[in-house]
Amino acid sequence: MSRNHRLMQLMQLFRSLPAPVKAHVLAHETGVSLRSVYRDIETLRGMGAIIDGAAGYGYTLIEDPTLPPMSFSQDEIEALVLGLREVQAVADPVLAAAAQNALVKLRASLPDSQRSQLARQALP
């Protein structure tokens, strides 16, 4: 796996795992050493990601510069969630995982007010 791919994978893990995320979890998920995780976190910080935490404590993605804030109406949020949940339910495993990742990215990219709307959707 290329380093760029691993950096993108780390960002996705920060978005999807409960914070704070321990470095050993990130190392296991990416298949690299702890030292590589520490270096990658410093690289992401250097690229503008605001990642709080330190070795031994865990890490939390505070601000993700790769995802600009988006704005959706309540109906658009509901349609997106419904469509992504449908793909998760009926698609092959690759597309189901892609739908889950898209939902995580959507959640991370919304402003706080709309993120709470997303969380209140009746769909599981």
PDB file of N, CA and C in Angstrom:
ATOM      1  N   MET A   1       0.845  -1.167   0.000  1.00  0.00           N
ATOM      2  CA  MET A   1       0.000   0.000   0.000  1.00  0.00           C
ATOM      3  C   MET A   1       0.894   1.235   0.000  1.00  0.00           C
ATOM      4  N   SER A   2       0.531   2.217  -0.826  1.00  0.00           N
ATOM      5  CA  SER A   2       1.322   3.445  -0.883  1.00  0.00           C
ATOM      6  C   SER A   2       1.082   4.293   0.362  1.00  0.00           C
ATOM      7  N   ARG A   3       2.031   5.167   0.631  1.00  0.00           N
ATOM      8  CA  ARG A   3       1.901   6.027   1.813  1.00  0.00           C
ATOM      9  C   ARG A   3       0.700   6.949   1.669  1.00  0.00           C
ATOM     10  N   ASN A   4       0.459   7.481   0.459  1.00  0.00           N
ATOM     11  CA  ASN A   4      -0.702   8.348   0.254  1.00  0.00           C
ATOM     12  C   ASN A   4      -1.999   7.607   0.553  1.00  0.00           C
ATOM     13  N   HIS A   5      -2.087   6.372   0.102  1.00  0.00           N
ATOM     14  CA  HIS A   5      -3.276   5.565   0.382  1.00  0.00           C
ATOM     15  C   HIS A   5      -3.426   5.364   1.886  1.00  0.00           C
ATOM     16  N   ARG A   6      -2.329   5.125   2.571  1.00  0.00           N
ATOM     17  CA  ARG A   6      -2.366   4.912   4.023  1.00  0.00           C
ATOM     18  C   ARG A   6      -2.798   6.186   4.749  1.00  0.00           C
ATOM     19  N   LEU A   7      -2.339   7.348   4.287  1.00  0.00           N
ATOM     20  CA  LEU A   7      -2.753   8.612   4.898  1.00  0.00           C
ATOM     21  C   LEU A   7      -4.254   8.820   4.733  1.00  0.00           C
ATOM     22  N   MET A   8      -4.775   8.508   3.561  1.00  0.00           N
ATOM     23  CA  MET A   8      -6.222   8.603   3.338  1.00  0.00           C
ATOM     24  C   MET A   8      -6.970   7.610   4.230  1.00  0.00           C
ATOM     25  N   GLN A   9      -6.410   6.420   4.372  1.00  0.00           N
ATOM     26  CA  GLN A   9      -7.016   5.407   5.230  1.00  0.00           C
ATOM     27  C   GLN A   9      -7.031   5.877   6.691  1.00  0.00           C
ATOM     28  N   LEU A  10      -5.964   6.510   7.141  1.00  0.00           N
ATOM     29  CA  LEU A  10      -5.929   7.042   8.508  1.00  0.00           C
ATOM     30  C   LEU A  10      -7.009   8.104   8.711  1.00  0.00           C
ATOM     31  N   MET A  11      -7.179   8.989   7.744  1.00  0.00           N
ATOM     32  CA  MET A  11      -8.227  10.007   7.859  1.00  0.00           C
ATOM     33  C   MET A  11      -9.596   9.346   7.971  1.00  0.00           C
ATOM     34  N   GLN A  12      -9.826   8.314   7.187  1.00  0.00           N
ATOM     35  CA  GLN A  12     -11.108   7.606   7.239  1.00  0.00           C
ATOM     36  C   GLN A  12     -11.288   6.923   8.597  1.00  0.00           C
ATOM     37  N   LEU A  13     -10.224   6.352   9.135  1.00  0.00           N
ATOM     38  CA  LEU A  13     -10.299   5.725  10.456  1.00  0.00           C
ATOM     39  C   LEU A  13     -10.614   6.763  11.532  1.00  0.00           C
ATOM     40  N   PHE A  14     -10.001   7.940  11.450  1.00  0.00           N
ATOM     41  CA  PHE A  14     -10.304   8.999  12.411  1.00  0.00           C
ATOM     42  C   PHE A  14     -11.774   9.392  12.347  1.00  0.00           C
ATOM     43  N   ARG A  15     -12.341   9.402  11.134  1.00  0.00           N
ATOM     44  CA  ARG A  15     -13.743   9.789  10.983  1.00  0.00           C
ATOM     45  C   ARG A  15     -14.691   8.714  11.508  1.00  0.00           C
ATOM     46  N   SER A  16     -14.304   7.457  11.394  1.00  0.00           N
ATOM     47  CA  SER A  16     -15.247   6.378  11.675  1.00  0.00           C
ATOM     48  C   SER A  16     -15.102   5.704  13.035  1.00  0.00           C
ATOM     49  N   LEU A  17     -13.917   5.753  13.639  1.00  0.00           N
ATOM     50  CA  LEU A  17     -13.724   5.094  14.936  1.00  0.00           C
ATOM     51  C   LEU A  17     -14.034   6.066  16.071  1.00  0.00           C
ATOM     52  N   PRO A  18     -14.514   5.548  17.197  1.00  0.00           N
ATOM     53  CA  PRO A  18     -14.773   6.432  18.338  1.00  0.00           C
ATOM     54  C   PRO A  18     -13.478   7.058  18.855  1.00  0.00           C
ATOM     55  N   ALA A  19     -13.543   8.340  19.133  1.00  0.00           N
ATOM     56  CA  ALA A  19     -12.366   9.069  19.614  1.00  0.00           C
ATOM     57  C   ALA A  19     -12.246   8.942  21.125  1.00  0.00           C
ATOM     58  N   PRO A  20     -11.047   9.000  21.650  1.00  0.00           N
ATOM     59  CA  PRO A  20      -9.768   9.063  20.944  1.00  0.00           C
ATOM     60  C   PRO A  20      -9.365   7.681  20.429  1.00  0.00           C
ATOM     61  N   VAL A  21      -8.694   7.678  19.292  1.00  0.00           N
ATOM     62  CA  VAL A  21      -8.246   6.437  18.662  1.00  0.00           C
ATOM     63  C   VAL A  21      -6.799   6.185  19.077  1.00  0.00           C
ATOM     64  N   LYS A  22      -6.551   5.041  19.655  1.00  0.00           N
ATOM     65  CA  LYS A  22      -5.193   4.681  20.091  1.00  0.00           C
ATOM     66  C   LYS A  22      -4.328   4.346  18.871  1.00  0.00           C
ATOM     67  N   ALA A  23      -3.057   4.664  18.976  1.00  0.00           N
ATOM     68  CA  ALA A  23      -2.118   4.424  17.874  1.00  0.00           C
ATOM     69  C   ALA A  23      -2.022   2.945  17.530  1.00  0.00           C
ATOM     70  N   HIS A  24      -2.106   2.063  18.526  1.00  0.00           N
ATOM     71  CA  HIS A  24      -1.998   0.630  18.220  1.00  0.00           C
ATOM     72  C   HIS A  24      -3.187   0.156  17.390  1.00  0.00           C
ATOM     73  N   VAL A  25      -4.355   0.778  17.554  1.00  0.00           N
ATOM     74  CA  VAL A  25      -5.518   0.434  16.722  1.00  0.00           C
ATOM     75  C   VAL A  25      -5.265   0.887  15.286  1.00  0.00           C
ATOM     76  N   LEU A  26      -4.743   2.096  15.135  1.00  0.00           N
ATOM     77  CA  LEU A  26      -4.424   2.605  13.798  1.00  0.00           C
ATOM     78  C   LEU A  26      -3.361   1.748  13.127  1.00  0.00           C
ATOM     79  N   ALA A  27      -2.361   1.315  13.901  1.00  0.00           N
ATOM     80  CA  ALA A  27      -1.307   0.457  13.346  1.00  0.00           C
ATOM     81  C   ALA A  27      -1.882  -0.875  12.880  1.00  0.00           C
ATOM     82  N   HIS A  28      -2.754  -1.453  13.692  1.00  0.00           N
ATOM     83  CA  HIS A  28      -3.372  -2.739  13.330  1.00  0.00           C
ATOM     84  C   HIS A  28      -4.221  -2.588  12.068  1.00  0.00           C
ATOM     85  N   GLU A  29      -5.042  -1.531  12.014  1.00  0.00           N
ATOM     86  CA  GLU A  29      -5.948  -1.327  10.877  1.00  0.00           C
ATOM     87  C   GLU A  29      -5.203  -1.044   9.571  1.00  0.00           C
ATOM     88  N   THR A  30      -4.054  -0.386   9.666  1.00  0.00           N
ATOM     89  CA  THR A  30      -3.296  -0.042   8.456  1.00  0.00           C
ATOM     90  C   THR A  30      -2.178  -1.031   8.148  1.00  0.00           C
ATOM     91  N   GLY A  31      -1.868  -1.904   9.106  1.00  0.00           N
ATOM     92  CA  GLY A  31      -0.843  -2.914   8.875  1.00  0.00           C
ATOM     93  C   GLY A  31       0.570  -2.378   8.907  1.00  0.00           C
ATOM     94  N   VAL A  32       0.799  -1.322   9.709  1.00  0.00           N
ATOM     95  CA  VAL A  32       2.142  -0.753   9.816  1.00  0.00           C
ATOM     96  C   VAL A  32       2.550  -0.700  11.287  1.00  0.00           C
ATOM     97  N   SER A  33       3.787  -0.297  11.520  1.00  0.00           N
ATOM     98  CA  SER A  33       4.298  -0.205  12.888  1.00  0.00           C
ATOM     99  C   SER A  33       3.749   1.041  13.589  1.00  0.00           C
ATOM    100  N   LEU A  34       3.864   1.040  14.919  1.00  0.00           N
ATOM    101  CA  LEU A  34       3.471   2.216  15.687  1.00  0.00           C
ATOM    102  C   LEU A  34       4.262   3.445  15.242  1.00  0.00           C
ATOM    103  N   ARG A  35       5.563   3.249  15.022  1.00  0.00           N
ATOM    104  CA  ARG A  35       6.416   4.366  14.601  1.00  0.00           C
ATOM    105  C   ARG A  35       5.910   4.971  13.292  1.00  0.00           C
ATOM    106  N   SER A  36       5.469   4.123  12.357  1.00  0.00           N
ATOM    107  CA  SER A  36       4.922   4.632  11.094  1.00  0.00           C
ATOM    108  C   SER A  36       3.645   5.429  11.329  1.00  0.00           C
ATOM    109  N   VAL A  37       2.808   4.958  12.256  1.00  0.00           N
ATOM    110  CA  VAL A  37       1.581   5.692  12.589  1.00  0.00           C
ATOM    111  C   VAL A  37       1.936   7.074  13.135  1.00  0.00           C
ATOM    112  N   TYR A  38       2.892   7.136  14.057  1.00  0.00           N
ATOM    113  CA  TYR A  38       3.299   8.424  14.621  1.00  0.00           C
ATOM    114  C   TYR A  38       3.806   9.371  13.529  1.00  0.00           C
ATOM    115  N   ARG A  39       4.616   8.846  12.610  1.00  0.00           N
ATOM    116  CA  ARG A  39       5.125   9.668  11.504  1.00  0.00           C
ATOM    117  C   ARG A  39       3.981  10.132  10.603  1.00  0.00           C
ATOM    118  N   ASP A  40       3.044   9.214  10.317  1.00  0.00           N
ATOM    119  CA  ASP A  40       1.913   9.568   9.455  1.00  0.00           C
ATOM    120  C   ASP A  40       1.036  10.636  10.099  1.00  0.00           C
ATOM    121  N   ILE A  41       0.827  10.559  11.400  1.00  0.00           N
ATOM    122  CA  ILE A  41       0.034  11.577  12.088  1.00  0.00           C
ATOM    123  C   ILE A  41       0.727  12.932  11.985  1.00  0.00           C
ATOM    124  N   GLU A  42       2.030  12.945  12.155  1.00  0.00           N
ATOM    125  CA  GLU A  42       2.768  14.205  12.004  1.00  0.00           C
ATOM    126  C   GLU A  42       2.675  14.727  10.574  1.00  0.00           C
ATOM    127  N   THR A  43       2.705  13.840   9.602  1.00  0.00           N
ATOM    128  CA  THR A  43       2.548  14.255   8.204  1.00  0.00           C
ATOM    129  C   THR A  43       1.172  14.873   7.981  1.00  0.00           C
ATOM    130  N   LEU A  44       0.116  14.218   8.499  1.00  0.00           N
ATOM    131  CA  LEU A  44      -1.237  14.754   8.358  1.00  0.00           C
ATOM    132  C   LEU A  44      -1.364  16.114   9.032  1.00  0.00           C
ATOM    133  N   ARG A  45      -0.755  16.264  10.204  1.00  0.00           N
ATOM    134  CA  ARG A  45      -0.756  17.563  10.872  1.00  0.00           C
ATOM    135  C   ARG A  45      -0.065  18.611  10.005  1.00  0.00           C
ATOM    136  N   GLY A  46       1.048  18.224   9.397  1.00  0.00           N
ATOM    137  CA  GLY A  46       1.773  19.140   8.522  1.00  0.00           C
ATOM    138  C   GLY A  46       0.974  19.527   7.292  1.00  0.00           C
ATOM    139  N   MET A  47       0.034  18.686   6.899  1.00  0.00           N
ATOM    140  CA  MET A  47      -0.814  18.954   5.743  1.00  0.00           C
ATOM    141  C   MET A  47      -2.046  19.774   6.122  1.00  0.00           C
ATOM    142  N   GLY A  48      -2.205  20.068   7.417  1.00  0.00           N
ATOM    143  CA  GLY A  48      -3.314  20.923   7.832  1.00  0.00           C
ATOM    144  C   GLY A  48      -4.380  20.263   8.673  1.00  0.00           C
ATOM    145  N   ALA A  49      -4.334  18.948   8.824  1.00  0.00           N
ATOM    146  CA  ALA A  49      -5.328  18.285   9.668  1.00  0.00           C
ATOM    147  C   ALA A  49      -5.053  18.638  11.120  1.00  0.00           C
ATOM    148  N   ILE A  50      -6.091  19.001  11.840  1.00  0.00           N
ATOM    149  CA  ILE A  50      -5.940  19.310  13.255  1.00  0.00           C
ATOM    150  C   ILE A  50      -6.283  18.048  14.027  1.00  0.00           C
ATOM    151  N   ILE A  51      -5.228  17.400  14.533  1.00  0.00           N
ATOM    152  CA  ILE A  51      -5.351  16.132  15.246  1.00  0.00           C
ATOM    153  C   ILE A  51      -4.860  16.362  16.660  1.00  0.00           C
ATOM    154  N   ASP A  52      -5.766  16.198  17.612  1.00  0.00           N
ATOM    155  CA  ASP A  52      -5.435  16.393  19.014  1.00  0.00           C
ATOM    156  C   ASP A  52      -5.006  15.055  19.603  1.00  0.00           C
ATOM    157  N   GLY A  53      -4.119  15.106  20.588  1.00  0.00           N
ATOM    158  CA  GLY A  53      -3.712  13.890  21.273  1.00  0.00           C
ATOM    159  C   GLY A  53      -2.232  13.651  21.179  1.00  0.00           C
ATOM    160  N   ALA A  54      -1.822  12.549  21.803  1.00  0.00           N
ATOM    161  CA  ALA A  54      -0.407  12.208  21.855  1.00  0.00           C
ATOM    162  C   ALA A  54      -0.269  10.718  22.095  1.00  0.00           C
ATOM    163  N   ALA A  55       0.956  10.239  21.915  1.00  0.00           N
ATOM    164  CA  ALA A  55       1.254   8.831  22.147  1.00  0.00           C
ATOM    165  C   ALA A  55       0.829   8.452  23.561  1.00  0.00           C
ATOM    166  N   GLY A  56       0.158   7.327  23.705  1.00  0.00           N
ATOM    167  CA  GLY A  56      -0.279   6.843  25.003  1.00  0.00           C
ATOM    168  C   GLY A  56      -1.677   7.293  25.379  1.00  0.00           C
ATOM    169  N   TYR A  57      -2.155   8.388  24.793  1.00  0.00           N
ATOM    170  CA  TYR A  57      -3.478   8.912  25.101  1.00  0.00           C
ATOM    171  C   TYR A  57      -4.485   8.508  24.033  1.00  0.00           C
ATOM    172  N   GLY A  58      -4.107   8.681  22.796  1.00  0.00           N
ATOM    173  CA  GLY A  58      -5.010   8.467  21.670  1.00  0.00           C
ATOM    174  C   GLY A  58      -5.136   9.762  20.891  1.00  0.00           C
ATOM    175  N   TYR A  59      -5.772   9.695  19.732  1.00  0.00           N
ATOM    176  CA  TYR A  59      -5.850  10.828  18.830  1.00  0.00           C
ATOM    177  C   TYR A  59      -7.292  11.084  18.416  1.00  0.00           C
ATOM    178  N   THR A  60      -7.606  12.369  18.254  1.00  0.00           N
ATOM    179  CA  THR A  60      -8.926  12.797  17.811  1.00  0.00           C
ATOM    180  C   THR A  60      -8.763  13.782  16.671  1.00  0.00           C
ATOM    181  N   LEU A  61      -9.474  13.551  15.584  1.00  0.00           N
ATOM    182  CA  LEU A  61      -9.476  14.482  14.466  1.00  0.00           C
ATOM    183  C   LEU A  61     -10.425  15.621  14.821  1.00  0.00           C
ATOM    184  N   ILE A  62      -9.858  16.811  14.998  1.00  0.00           N
ATOM    185  CA  ILE A  62     -10.649  17.984  15.371  1.00  0.00           C
ATOM    186  C   ILE A  62     -11.200  18.672  14.133  1.00  0.00           C
ATOM    187  N   GLU A  63     -10.357  18.841  13.140  1.00  0.00           N
ATOM    188  CA  GLU A  63     -10.774  19.507  11.913  1.00  0.00           C
ATOM    189  C   GLU A  63     -10.137  18.800  10.735  1.00  0.00           C
ATOM    190  N   ASP A  64     -10.950  18.538   9.746  1.00  0.00           N
ATOM    191  CA  ASP A  64     -10.506  17.807   8.565  1.00  0.00           C
ATOM    192  C   ASP A  64     -10.471  18.751   7.371  1.00  0.00           C
ATOM    193  N   PRO A  65      -9.278  19.190   6.955  1.00  0.00           N
ATOM    194  CA  PRO A  65      -9.196  20.156   5.863  1.00  0.00           C
ATOM    195  C   PRO A  65      -9.548  19.568   4.500  1.00  0.00           C
ATOM    196  N   THR A  66      -9.652  18.248   4.404  1.00  0.00           N
ATOM    197  CA  THR A  66      -9.958  17.649   3.108  1.00  0.00           C
ATOM    198  C   THR A  66     -11.444  17.674   2.793  1.00  0.00           C
ATOM    199  N   LEU A  67     -12.282  17.951   3.808  1.00  0.00           N
ATOM    200  CA  LEU A  67     -13.718  17.963   3.592  1.00  0.00           C
ATOM    201  C   LEU A  67     -14.296  19.333   3.921  1.00  0.00           C
ATOM    202  N   PRO A  68     -14.632  20.118   2.907  1.00  0.00           N
ATOM    203  CA  PRO A  68     -15.226  21.418   3.180  1.00  0.00           C
ATOM    204  C   PRO A  68     -16.647  21.238   3.720  1.00  0.00           C
ATOM    205  N   PRO A  69     -17.130  22.201   4.516  1.00  0.00           N
ATOM    206  CA  PRO A  69     -18.499  22.083   5.011  1.00  0.00           C
ATOM    207  C   PRO A  69     -19.494  22.049   3.859  1.00  0.00           C
ATOM    208  N   MET A  70     -20.488  21.209   3.977  1.00  0.00           N
ATOM    209  CA  MET A  70     -21.548  21.110   2.979  1.00  0.00           C
ATOM    210  C   MET A  70     -22.856  21.512   3.626  1.00  0.00           C
ATOM    211  N   SER A  71     -23.790  21.887   2.796  1.00  0.00           N
ATOM    212  CA  SER A  71     -25.094  22.256   3.310  1.00  0.00           C
ATOM    213  C   SER A  71     -26.154  21.508   2.520  1.00  0.00           C
ATOM    214  N   PHE A  72     -27.037  20.826   3.232  1.00  0.00           N
ATOM    215  CA  PHE A  72     -28.120  20.071   2.625  1.00  0.00           C
ATOM    216  C   PHE A  72     -29.412  20.423   3.337  1.00  0.00           C
ATOM    217  N   SER A  73     -30.522  20.321   2.614  1.00  0.00           N
ATOM    218  CA  SER A  73     -31.820  20.485   3.257  1.00  0.00           C
ATOM    219  C   SER A  73     -32.126  19.217   4.062  1.00  0.00           C
ATOM    220  N   GLN A  74     -33.111  19.314   4.939  1.00  0.00           N
ATOM    221  CA  GLN A  74     -33.525  18.154   5.731  1.00  0.00           C
ATOM    222  C   GLN A  74     -33.917  16.988   4.814  1.00  0.00           C
ATOM    223  N   ASP A  75     -34.653  17.279   3.749  1.00  0.00           N
ATOM    224  CA  ASP A  75     -35.064  16.231   2.813  1.00  0.00           C
ATOM    225  C   ASP A  75     -33.872  15.626   2.085  1.00  0.00           C
ATOM    226  N   GLU A  76     -32.883  16.453   1.730  1.00  0.00           N
ATOM    227  CA  GLU A  76     -31.687  15.936   1.060  1.00  0.00           C
ATOM    228  C   GLU A  76     -30.903  15.005   1.980  1.00  0.00           C
ATOM    229  N   ILE A  77     -30.785  15.379   3.244  1.00  0.00           N
ATOM    230  CA  ILE A  77     -30.089  14.520   4.205  1.00  0.00           C
ATOM    231  C   ILE A  77     -30.814  13.185   4.331  1.00  0.00           C
ATOM    232  N   GLU A  78     -32.137  13.246   4.433  1.00  0.00           N
ATOM    233  CA  GLU A  78     -32.917  12.008   4.556  1.00  0.00           C
ATOM    234  C   GLU A  78     -32.758  11.141   3.304  1.00  0.00           C
ATOM    235  N   ALA A  79     -32.771  11.763   2.125  1.00  0.00           N
ATOM    236  CA  ALA A  79     -32.606  11.010   0.874  1.00  0.00           C
ATOM    237  C   ALA A  79     -31.226  10.359   0.795  1.00  0.00           C
ATOM    238  N   LEU A  80     -30.201  11.093   1.199  1.00  0.00           N
ATOM    239  CA  LEU A  80     -28.848  10.535   1.176  1.00  0.00           C
ATOM    240  C   LEU A  80     -28.723   9.350   2.131  1.00  0.00           C
ATOM    241  N   VAL A  81     -29.242   9.510   3.339  1.00  0.00           N
ATOM    242  CA  VAL A  81     -29.168   8.422   4.314  1.00  0.00           C
ATOM    243  C   VAL A  81     -29.951   7.214   3.813  1.00  0.00           C
ATOM    244  N   LEU A  82     -31.161   7.445   3.301  1.00  0.00           N
ATOM    245  CA  LEU A  82     -31.983   6.345   2.792  1.00  0.00           C
ATOM    246  C   LEU A  82     -31.273   5.602   1.663  1.00  0.00           C
ATOM    247  N   GLY A  83     -30.703   6.355   0.720  1.00  0.00           N
ATOM    248  CA  GLY A  83     -30.003   5.726  -0.401  1.00  0.00           C
ATOM    249  C   GLY A  83     -28.776   4.944   0.041  1.00  0.00           C
ATOM    250  N   LEU A  84     -27.988   5.518   0.935  1.00  0.00           N
ATOM    251  CA  LEU A  84     -26.784   4.828   1.412  1.00  0.00           C
ATOM    252  C   LEU A  84     -27.138   3.589   2.230  1.00  0.00           C
ATOM    253  N   ARG A  85     -28.181   3.687   3.041  1.00  0.00           N
ATOM    254  CA  ARG A  85     -28.611   2.512   3.819  1.00  0.00           C
ATOM    255  C   ARG A  85     -29.124   1.404   2.897  1.00  0.00           C
ATOM    256  N   GLU A  86     -29.792   1.774   1.827  1.00  0.00           N
ATOM    257  CA  GLU A  86     -30.284   0.777   0.865  1.00  0.00           C
ATOM    258  C   GLU A  86     -29.113   0.064   0.191  1.00  0.00           C
ATOM    259  N   VAL A  87     -28.112   0.816  -0.203  1.00  0.00           N
ATOM    260  CA  VAL A  87     -26.925   0.206  -0.810  1.00  0.00           C
ATOM    261  C   VAL A  87     -26.249  -0.739   0.187  1.00  0.00           C
ATOM    262  N   GLN A  88     -26.156  -0.308   1.448  1.00  0.00           N
ATOM    263  CA  GLN A  88     -25.560  -1.174   2.475  1.00  0.00           C
ATOM    264  C   GLN A  88     -26.337  -2.479   2.607  1.00  0.00           C
ATOM    265  N   ALA A  89     -27.644  -2.408   2.457  1.00  0.00           N
ATOM    266  CA  ALA A  89     -28.493  -3.584   2.679  1.00  0.00           C
ATOM    267  C   ALA A  89     -28.503  -4.552   1.506  1.00  0.00           C
ATOM    268  N   VAL A  90     -28.398  -4.049   0.279  1.00  0.00           N
ATOM    269  CA  VAL A  90     -28.609  -4.941  -0.864  1.00  0.00           C
ATOM    270  C   VAL A  90     -27.395  -5.138  -1.764  1.00  0.00           C
ATOM    271  N   ALA A  91     -26.380  -4.334  -1.609  1.00  0.00           N
ATOM    272  CA  ALA A  91     -25.244  -4.406  -2.531  1.00  0.00           C
ATOM    273  C   ALA A  91     -24.232  -5.455  -2.091  1.00  0.00           C
ATOM    274  N   ASP A  92     -23.290  -5.725  -2.985  1.00  0.00           N
ATOM    275  CA  ASP A  92     -22.195  -6.630  -2.648  1.00  0.00           C
ATOM    276  C   ASP A  92     -21.343  -5.984  -1.557  1.00  0.00           C
ATOM    277  N   PRO A  93     -20.486  -6.760  -0.896  1.00  0.00           N
ATOM    278  CA  PRO A  93     -19.712  -6.227   0.236  1.00  0.00           C
ATOM    279  C   PRO A  93     -18.856  -5.005  -0.092  1.00  0.00           C
ATOM    280  N   VAL A  94     -18.314  -4.928  -1.286  1.00  0.00           N
ATOM    281  CA  VAL A  94     -17.464  -3.789  -1.651  1.00  0.00           C
ATOM    282  C   VAL A  94     -18.297  -2.507  -1.708  1.00  0.00           C
ATOM    283  N   LEU A  95     -19.456  -2.570  -2.371  1.00  0.00           N
ATOM    284  CA  LEU A  95     -20.308  -1.383  -2.447  1.00  0.00           C
ATOM    285  C   LEU A  95     -20.938  -1.051  -1.101  1.00  0.00           C
ATOM    286  N   ALA A  96     -21.263  -2.067  -0.312  1.00  0.00           N
ATOM    287  CA  ALA A  96     -21.816  -1.826   1.024  1.00  0.00           C
ATOM    288  C   ALA A  96     -20.797  -1.088   1.886  1.00  0.00           C
ATOM    289  N   ALA A  97     -19.540  -1.484   1.815  1.00  0.00           N
ATOM    290  CA  ALA A  97     -18.490  -0.798   2.568  1.00  0.00           C
ATOM    291  C   ALA A  97     -18.292   0.629   2.050  1.00  0.00           C
ATOM    292  N   ALA A  98     -18.381   0.802   0.735  1.00  0.00           N
ATOM    293  CA  ALA A  98     -18.249   2.142   0.156  1.00  0.00           C
ATOM    294  C   ALA A  98     -19.388   3.043   0.629  1.00  0.00           C
ATOM    295  N   ALA A  99     -20.590   2.505   0.723  1.00  0.00           N
ATOM    296  CA  ALA A  99     -21.722   3.287   1.213  1.00  0.00           C
ATOM    297  C   ALA A  99     -21.512   3.685   2.672  1.00  0.00           C
ATOM    298  N   GLN A 100     -20.984   2.780   3.479  1.00  0.00           N
ATOM    299  CA  GLN A 100     -20.701   3.100   4.879  1.00  0.00           C
ATOM    300  C   GLN A 100     -19.647   4.202   4.968  1.00  0.00           C
ATOM    301  N   ASN A 101     -18.597   4.104   4.156  1.00  0.00           N
ATOM    302  CA  ASN A 101     -17.556   5.137   4.150  1.00  0.00           C
ATOM    303  C   ASN A 101     -18.126   6.477   3.696  1.00  0.00           C
ATOM    304  N   ALA A 102     -19.018   6.462   2.709  1.00  0.00           N
ATOM    305  CA  ALA A 102     -19.629   7.701   2.236  1.00  0.00           C
ATOM    306  C   ALA A 102     -20.481   8.339   3.330  1.00  0.00           C
ATOM    307  N   LEU A 103     -21.193   7.521   4.095  1.00  0.00           N
ATOM    308  CA  LEU A 103     -22.004   8.043   5.191  1.00  0.00           C
ATOM    309  C   LEU A 103     -21.119   8.671   6.271  1.00  0.00           C
ATOM    310  N   VAL A 104     -19.994   8.037   6.565  1.00  0.00           N
ATOM    311  CA  VAL A 104     -19.049   8.587   7.548  1.00  0.00           C
ATOM    312  C   VAL A 104     -18.497   9.927   7.051  1.00  0.00           C
ATOM    313  N   LYS A 105     -18.127   9.997   5.773  1.00  0.00           N
ATOM    314  CA  LYS A 105     -17.604  11.242   5.207  1.00  0.00           C
ATOM    315  C   LYS A 105     -18.679  12.329   5.210  1.00  0.00           C
ATOM    316  N   LEU A 106     -19.903  11.952   4.894  1.00  0.00           N
ATOM    317  CA  LEU A 106     -20.997  12.911   4.917  1.00  0.00           C
ATOM    318  C   LEU A 106     -21.166  13.478   6.323  1.00  0.00           C
ATOM    319  N   ARG A 107     -21.196  12.603   7.307  1.00  0.00           N
ATOM    320  CA  ARG A 107     -21.339  13.034   8.706  1.00  0.00           C
ATOM    321  C   ARG A 107     -20.208  13.989   9.097  1.00  0.00           C
ATOM    322  N   ALA A 108     -18.982  13.657   8.700  1.00  0.00           N
ATOM    323  CA  ALA A 108     -17.827  14.476   9.070  1.00  0.00           C
ATOM    324  C   ALA A 108     -17.820  15.828   8.365  1.00  0.00           C
ATOM    325  N   SER A 109     -18.437  15.915   7.207  1.00  0.00           N
ATOM    326  CA  SER A 109     -18.352  17.140   6.421  1.00  0.00           C
ATOM    327  C   SER A 109     -19.475  18.128   6.699  1.00  0.00           C
ATOM    328  N   LEU A 110     -20.515  17.705   7.402  1.00  0.00           N
ATOM    329  CA  LEU A 110     -21.640  18.590   7.656  1.00  0.00           C
ATOM    330  C   LEU A 110     -21.350  19.553   8.802  1.00  0.00           C
ATOM    331  N   PRO A 111     -21.922  20.757   8.734  1.00  0.00           N
ATOM    332  CA  PRO A 111     -21.845  21.655   9.889  1.00  0.00           C
ATOM    333  C   PRO A 111     -22.569  21.020  11.075  1.00  0.00           C
ATOM    334  N   ASP A 112     -22.264  21.479  12.281  1.00  0.00           N
ATOM    335  CA  ASP A 112     -22.827  20.879  13.495  1.00  0.00           C
ATOM    336  C   ASP A 112     -24.348  20.773  13.462  1.00  0.00           C
ATOM    337  N   SER A 113     -25.034  21.814  13.020  1.00  0.00           N
ATOM    338  CA  SER A 113     -26.496  21.791  13.027  1.00  0.00           C
ATOM    339  C   SER A 113     -27.039  20.688  12.130  1.00  0.00           C
ATOM    340  N   GLN A 114     -26.427  20.495  10.980  1.00  0.00           N
ATOM    341  CA  GLN A 114     -26.904  19.452  10.072  1.00  0.00           C
ATOM    342  C   GLN A 114     -26.413  18.077  10.493  1.00  0.00           C
ATOM    343  N   ARG A 115     -25.278  18.016  11.164  1.00  0.00           N
ATOM    344  CA  ARG A 115     -24.793  16.736  11.687  1.00  0.00           C
ATOM    345  C   ARG A 115     -25.798  16.189  12.699  1.00  0.00           C
ATOM    346  N   SER A 116     -26.393  17.079  13.495  1.00  0.00           N
ATOM    347  CA  SER A 116     -27.399  16.619  14.456  1.00  0.00           C
ATOM    348  C   SER A 116     -28.660  16.157  13.734  1.00  0.00           C
ATOM    349  N   GLN A 117     -29.006  16.785  12.602  1.00  0.00           N
ATOM    350  CA  GLN A 117     -30.141  16.310  11.801  1.00  0.00           C
ATOM    351  C   GLN A 117     -29.865  14.903  11.281  1.00  0.00           C
ATOM    352  N   LEU A 118     -28.649  14.674  10.836  1.00  0.00           N
ATOM    353  CA  LEU A 118     -28.263  13.359  10.336  1.00  0.00           C
ATOM    354  C   LEU A 118     -28.381  12.313  11.439  1.00  0.00           C
ATOM    355  N   ALA A 119     -27.957  12.664  12.649  1.00  0.00           N
ATOM    356  CA  ALA A 119     -28.018  11.734  13.763  1.00  0.00           C
ATOM    357  C   ALA A 119     -29.453  11.424  14.172  1.00  0.00           C
ATOM    358  N   ARG A 120     -30.378  12.354  13.905  1.00  0.00           N
ATOM    359  CA  ARG A 120     -31.774  12.151  14.313  1.00  0.00           C
ATOM    360  C   ARG A 120     -32.590  11.376  13.287  1.00  0.00           C
ATOM    361  N   GLN A 121     -31.989  11.005  12.168  1.00  0.00           N
ATOM    362  CA  GLN A 121     -32.751  10.273  11.161  1.00  0.00           C
ATOM    363  C   GLN A 121     -33.313   8.986  11.767  1.00  0.00           C
ATOM    364  N   ALA A 122     -34.515   8.657  11.410  1.00  0.00           N
ATOM    365  CA  ALA A 122     -35.195   7.484  11.956  1.00  0.00           C
ATOM    366  C   ALA A 122     -34.537   6.183  11.499  1.00  0.00           C
ATOM    367  N   LEU A 123     -33.801   6.270  10.415  1.00  0.00           N
ATOM    368  CA  LEU A 123     -33.175   5.069   9.889  1.00  0.00           C
ATOM    369  C   LEU A 123     -31.986   4.692  10.743  1.00  0.00           C
ATOM    370  N   PRO A 124     -31.766   3.383  10.977  1.00  0.00           N
ATOM    371  CA  PRO A 124     -30.629   2.965  11.811  1.00  0.00           C
ATOM    372  C   PRO A 124     -29.298   3.239  11.156  1.00  0.00           C
TER     373      PRO A 124
END
